[in-house]
């Protein structure tokens, strides 16, 4: 990825998180019965979409940031490439796991089983 594209993507995800994280935490704070109300709330389409956007943008922002740190501070090219590929693999696993969990919440309708 080119440096300008990397920088732009990191700023876009940071801007998204600037709005999504306060929305998420204010949602959590306003819930009287945390366990059941959260699952019920995030099983609805609009809150679930916001949760998916927050998770995707935060994981992508994390991957971009850690990749930049590795590129700046790991001098050996082979080691740097291995670490960056591991970071991308971790990000992909985290995205798939998060999406599956959110889809499970939506499919269950917020019921605990």
Protein backbone atom coordinates (compact mmCIF):
# COMPACT_ATOMS: atom_id res chain seq x y z
CA UNK A 1 0.00 0.00 0.00
CA UNK A 2 1.32 3.43 -0.88
CA UNK A 3 2.12 5.81 1.95
CA UNK A 4 -0.53 8.34 0.93
CA UNK A 5 -3.21 5.65 0.75
CA UNK A 6 -2.13 4.24 4.11
CA UNK A 7 -2.26 7.72 5.68
CA UNK A 8 -5.68 8.43 4.14
CA UNK A 9 -7.17 5.13 5.32
CA UNK A 10 -5.86 5.69 8.83
CA UNK A 11 -7.43 9.16 8.95
CA UNK A 12 -10.76 7.89 7.60
CA UNK A 13 -10.94 5.13 10.20
CA UNK A 14 -9.94 7.56 12.95
CA UNK A 15 -12.72 9.93 11.87
CA UNK A 16 -15.25 7.09 11.86
CA UNK A 17 -14.15 5.98 15.32
CA UNK A 18 -14.46 9.57 16.56
CA UNK A 19 -18.24 9.16 16.21
CA UNK A 20 -18.73 5.40 16.60
CA UNK A 21 -16.93 4.94 19.93
CA UNK A 22 -18.87 7.65 21.82
CA UNK A 23 -22.10 6.24 20.34
CA UNK A 24 -21.18 2.74 21.51
CA UNK A 25 -20.17 3.77 25.04
CA UNK A 26 -23.17 6.05 25.49
CA UNK A 27 -25.36 3.11 24.45
CA UNK A 28 -23.73 0.95 27.09
CA UNK A 29 -24.02 3.59 29.81
CA UNK A 30 -27.72 4.21 29.14
CA UNK A 31 -28.69 0.54 29.55
CA UNK A 32 -30.28 -0.25 32.93
CA UNK A 33 -29.94 -4.05 32.69
CA UNK A 34 -26.64 -4.53 30.88
CA UNK A 35 -26.68 -8.22 29.98
CA UNK A 36 -30.06 -8.67 28.31
CA UNK A 37 -30.70 -5.14 27.07
CA UNK A 38 -27.40 -4.98 25.19
CA UNK A 39 -28.06 -8.21 23.30
CA UNK A 40 -31.61 -7.14 22.49
CA UNK A 41 -30.48 -3.67 21.43
CA UNK A 42 -27.69 -4.89 19.13
CA UNK A 43 -29.93 -7.53 17.53
CA UNK A 44 -31.82 -4.72 15.76
CA UNK A 45 -30.62 -3.74 12.25
CA UNK A 46 -29.39 -0.17 12.80
CA UNK A 47 -27.47 -0.76 16.06
CA UNK A 48 -26.01 -3.96 14.60
CA UNK A 49 -24.83 -2.03 11.54
CA UNK A 50 -23.21 0.58 13.78
CA UNK A 51 -21.53 -2.17 15.79
CA UNK A 52 -20.22 -3.83 12.63
CA UNK A 53 -18.88 -0.50 11.34
CA UNK A 54 -17.20 0.18 14.69
CA UNK A 55 -15.59 -3.25 14.85
CA UNK A 56 -14.38 -3.19 11.23
CA UNK A 57 -12.98 0.33 11.42
CA UNK A 58 -11.26 -0.27 14.77
CA UNK A 59 -9.61 -3.50 13.61
CA UNK A 60 -8.51 -1.91 10.32
CA UNK A 61 -7.21 1.16 12.18
CA UNK A 62 -5.28 -1.15 14.54
CA UNK A 63 -3.76 -3.12 11.65
CA UNK A 64 -2.70 0.08 9.85
CA UNK A 65 -1.15 1.54 13.00
CA UNK A 66 0.78 -1.55 14.03
CA UNK A 67 1.97 -2.06 10.46
CA UNK A 68 3.35 1.48 10.43
CA UNK A 69 5.19 0.90 13.71
CA UNK A 70 6.71 -2.33 12.37
CA UNK A 71 7.76 -0.63 9.12
CA UNK A 72 9.41 2.17 11.08
CA UNK A 73 11.22 0.14 13.74
CA UNK A 74 12.03 -3.33 12.38
CA UNK A 75 15.23 -3.05 10.33
CA UNK A 76 15.40 -6.53 8.76
CA UNK A 77 13.25 -6.85 5.66
CA UNK A 78 12.43 -10.58 6.01
CA UNK A 79 11.46 -10.24 9.67
CA UNK A 80 9.41 -7.14 8.88
CA UNK A 81 7.50 -8.96 6.13
CA UNK A 82 6.76 -11.93 8.41
CA UNK A 83 5.50 -9.66 11.18
CA UNK A 84 3.33 -7.64 8.80
CA UNK A 85 1.81 -10.81 7.31
CA UNK A 86 1.09 -12.02 10.86
CA UNK A 87 -0.60 -8.69 11.65
CA UNK A 88 -2.77 -8.99 8.53
CA UNK A 89 -3.67 -12.58 9.42
CA UNK A 90 -4.58 -11.54 12.96
CA UNK A 91 -6.73 -8.71 11.59
CA UNK A 92 -8.53 -11.06 9.20
CA UNK A 93 -9.20 -13.59 11.96
CA UNK A 94 -10.47 -10.82 14.26
CA UNK A 95 -12.80 -9.45 11.56
CA UNK A 96 -14.25 -12.87 10.73
CA UNK A 97 -14.72 -13.77 14.40
CA UNK A 98 -16.37 -10.41 15.16
CA UNK A 99 -18.74 -10.60 12.21
CA UNK A 100 -19.74 -14.17 13.10
CA UNK A 101 -20.44 -13.10 16.70
CA UNK A 102 -22.54 -10.11 15.61
CA UNK A 103 -24.48 -12.24 13.13
CA UNK A 104 -25.10 -14.73 15.94
CA UNK A 105 -26.50 -11.91 18.11
CA UNK A 106 -28.76 -10.79 15.24
CA UNK A 107 -29.92 -14.33 14.47
CA UNK A 108 -30.73 -15.11 18.11
CA UNK A 109 -32.76 -11.94 18.42
CA UNK A 110 -30.90 -11.00 21.58
CA UNK A 111 -31.87 -14.16 23.48
CA UNK A 112 -29.27 -15.92 25.59
CA UNK A 113 -29.05 -19.63 25.14
